Amino acid sequence: MDMRTTIDLPDELYRTLKTRAAISGVTMRELVQGLIEQGLKQSGSSAQGPTVEEEPLPVAIPAGSGPIRAFTNAELHELEMEDERERFARSS
């Protein structure tokens, strides 16, 4: 049986989790559960269940150029906000 709980997260941490979940192809629930289990195992607890293994981020290399630079968290946040504003404008 699963227990439901609510936690408050800082906006930046939430965005980081949401981004990592999307990149990893898992749900936020799966990601957070895996991270909690990993943390408990590292601190000596015997939590069991699936864990989320950290993989390197993919690198996009356009033809004829080097790797695309990584975005900062602030830049990713601004892109998300811009997307939200566009969605809101289309729905109005």
C-alpha atoms as a PDB file:
ATOM      1  CA  MET A   1       0.000   0.000   0.000  1.00  0.00           C
ATOM      2  CA  ASP A   2       1.331   3.440  -0.917  1.00  0.00           C
ATOM      3  CA  MET A   3       1.121   6.337   1.507  1.00  0.00           C
ATOM      4  CA  ARG A   4       0.336   9.756   0.050  1.00  0.00           C
ATOM      5  CA  THR A   5       2.108  12.801   1.467  1.00  0.00           C
ATOM      6  CA  THR A   6       2.575  16.456   0.611  1.00  0.00           C
ATOM      7  CA  ILE A   7       5.859  18.347   0.816  1.00  0.00           C
ATOM      8  CA  ASP A   8       6.719  21.961   0.088  1.00  0.00           C
ATOM      9  CA  LEU A   9       9.703  22.447  -2.213  1.00  0.00           C
ATOM     10  CA  PRO A  10      11.509  25.620  -3.222  1.00  0.00           C
ATOM     11  CA  ASP A  11      10.609  26.617  -6.808  1.00  0.00           C
ATOM     12  CA  GLU A  12      14.164  26.069  -8.042  1.00  0.00           C
ATOM     13  CA  LEU A  13      14.308  22.535  -6.608  1.00  0.00           C
ATOM     14  CA  TYR A  14      10.905  21.692  -8.113  1.00  0.00           C
ATOM     15  CA  ARG A  15      12.020  22.902 -11.565  1.00  0.00           C
ATOM     16  CA  THR A  16      15.239  20.900 -11.272  1.00  0.00           C
ATOM     17  CA  LEU A  17      13.309  17.742 -10.358  1.00  0.00           C
ATOM     18  CA  LYS A  18      10.787  18.314 -13.144  1.00  0.00           C
ATOM     19  CA  THR A  19      13.574  18.781 -15.697  1.00  0.00           C
ATOM     20  CA  ARG A  20      15.496  15.718 -14.512  1.00  0.00           C
ATOM     21  CA  ALA A  21      12.355  13.576 -14.608  1.00  0.00           C
ATOM     22  CA  ALA A  22      11.603  14.684 -18.184  1.00  0.00           C
ATOM     23  CA  ILE A  23      15.177  14.028 -19.317  1.00  0.00           C
ATOM     24  CA  SER A  24      15.196  10.623 -17.597  1.00  0.00           C
ATOM     25  CA  GLY A  25      11.800   9.667 -19.032  1.00  0.00           C
ATOM     26  CA  VAL A  26      10.249   8.969 -15.637  1.00  0.00           C
ATOM     27  CA  THR A  27       7.454  10.561 -13.655  1.00  0.00           C
ATOM     28  CA  MET A  28       8.149  13.025 -10.847  1.00  0.00           C
ATOM     29  CA  ARG A  29       6.820  10.388  -8.426  1.00  0.00           C
ATOM     30  CA  GLU A  30       9.268   7.760  -9.700  1.00  0.00           C
ATOM     31  CA  LEU A  31      12.179  10.198  -9.614  1.00  0.00           C
ATOM     32  CA  VAL A  32      11.486  11.494  -6.088  1.00  0.00           C
ATOM     33  CA  GLN A  33      10.865   7.974  -4.760  1.00  0.00           C
ATOM     34  CA  GLY A  34      14.123   6.743  -6.276  1.00  0.00           C
ATOM     35  CA  LEU A  35      16.100   9.690  -4.921  1.00  0.00           C
ATOM     36  CA  ILE A  36      14.672   9.220  -1.428  1.00  0.00           C
ATOM     37  CA  GLU A  37      15.491   5.512  -1.535  1.00  0.00           C
ATOM     38  CA  GLN A  38      19.041   6.247  -2.679  1.00  0.00           C
ATOM     39  CA  GLY A  39      19.482   8.753   0.134  1.00  0.00           C
ATOM     40  CA  LEU A  40      18.204   6.293   2.710  1.00  0.00           C
ATOM     41  CA  LYS A  41      20.509   3.564   1.419  1.00  0.00           C
ATOM     42  CA  GLN A  42      23.502   5.905   1.581  1.00  0.00           C
ATOM     43  CA  SER A  43      22.686   6.753   5.183  1.00  0.00           C
ATOM     44  CA  GLY A  44      22.523   3.067   6.152  1.00  0.00           C
ATOM     45  CA  SER A  45      18.794   2.349   5.802  1.00  0.00           C
ATOM     46  CA  SER A  46      17.577  -0.758   3.999  1.00  0.00           C
ATOM     47  CA  ALA A  47      14.852   0.805   1.808  1.00  0.00           C
ATOM     48  CA  GLN A  48      13.948  -1.417  -1.139  1.00  0.00           C
ATOM     49  CA  GLY A  49      12.408  -0.813  -4.533  1.00  0.00           C
ATOM     50  CA  PRO A  50      13.417   0.661  -7.874  1.00  0.00           C
ATOM     51  CA  THR A  51      16.066   3.338  -7.908  1.00  0.00           C
ATOM     52  CA  VAL A  52      16.749   6.029 -10.457  1.00  0.00           C
ATOM     53  CA  GLU A  53      20.263   5.796 -11.819  1.00  0.00           C
ATOM     54  CA  GLU A  54      21.851   9.046 -12.810  1.00  0.00           C
ATOM     55  CA  GLU A  55      22.856   9.156 -16.447  1.00  0.00           C
ATOM     56  CA  PRO A  56      24.868  11.836 -18.197  1.00  0.00           C
ATOM     57  CA  LEU A  57      22.793  14.439 -19.983  1.00  0.00           C
ATOM     58  CA  PRO A  58      22.593  14.062 -23.760  1.00  0.00           C
ATOM     59  CA  VAL A  59      24.685  16.400 -25.869  1.00  0.00           C
ATOM     60  CA  ALA A  60      23.240  17.756 -29.126  1.00  0.00           C
ATOM     61  CA  ILE A  61      25.837  18.396 -31.814  1.00  0.00           C
ATOM     62  CA  PRO A  62      24.515  20.161 -34.911  1.00  0.00           C
ATOM     63  CA  ALA A  63      26.186  19.233 -38.192  1.00  0.00           C
ATOM     64  CA  GLY A  64      29.416  21.137 -38.692  1.00  0.00           C
ATOM     65  CA  SER A  65      29.695  22.634 -35.198  1.00  0.00           C
ATOM     66  CA  GLY A  66      30.634  21.801 -31.627  1.00  0.00           C
ATOM     67  CA  PRO A  67      28.335  20.946 -28.716  1.00  0.00           C
ATOM     68  CA  ILE A  68      25.576  23.387 -27.827  1.00  0.00           C
ATOM     69  CA  ARG A  69      26.275  25.191 -24.553  1.00  0.00           C
ATOM     70  CA  ALA A  70      24.348  24.183 -21.471  1.00  0.00           C
ATOM     71  CA  PHE A  71      21.591  26.489 -20.220  1.00  0.00           C
ATOM     72  CA  THR A  72      21.733  27.892 -16.708  1.00  0.00           C
ATOM     73  CA  ASN A  73      18.848  27.243 -14.338  1.00  0.00           C
ATOM     74  CA  ALA A  74      17.779  30.875 -14.745  1.00  0.00           C
ATOM     75  CA  GLU A  75      17.714  30.503 -18.538  1.00  0.00           C
ATOM     76  CA  LEU A  76      15.716  27.251 -18.290  1.00  0.00           C
ATOM     77  CA  HIS A  77      13.272  28.973 -15.945  1.00  0.00           C
ATOM     78  CA  GLU A  78      12.843  31.868 -18.384  1.00  0.00           C
ATOM     79  CA  LEU A  79      12.196  29.412 -21.240  1.00  0.00           C
ATOM     80  CA  GLU A  80       9.559  27.645 -19.130  1.00  0.00           C
ATOM     81  CA  MET A  81       7.922  30.966 -18.256  1.00  0.00           C
ATOM     82  CA  GLU A  82       7.925  32.033 -21.903  1.00  0.00           C
ATOM     83  CA  ASP A  83       6.281  28.739 -22.859  1.00  0.00           C
ATOM     84  CA  GLU A  84       3.652  29.205 -20.147  1.00  0.00           C
ATOM     85  CA  ARG A  85       2.930  32.767 -21.337  1.00  0.00           C
ATOM     86  CA  GLU A  86       2.487  31.512 -24.919  1.00  0.00           C
ATOM     87  CA  ARG A  87       0.145  28.735 -23.792  1.00  0.00           C
ATOM     88  CA  PHE A  88      -1.878  31.189 -21.720  1.00  0.00           C
ATOM     89  CA  ALA A  89      -2.107  33.641 -24.657  1.00  0.00           C
ATOM     90  CA  ARG A  90      -3.357  30.870 -26.964  1.00  0.00           C
ATOM     91  CA  SER A  91      -5.960  29.709 -24.459  1.00  0.00           C
ATOM     92  CA  SER A  92      -7.401  33.202 -23.917  1.00  0.00           C
END
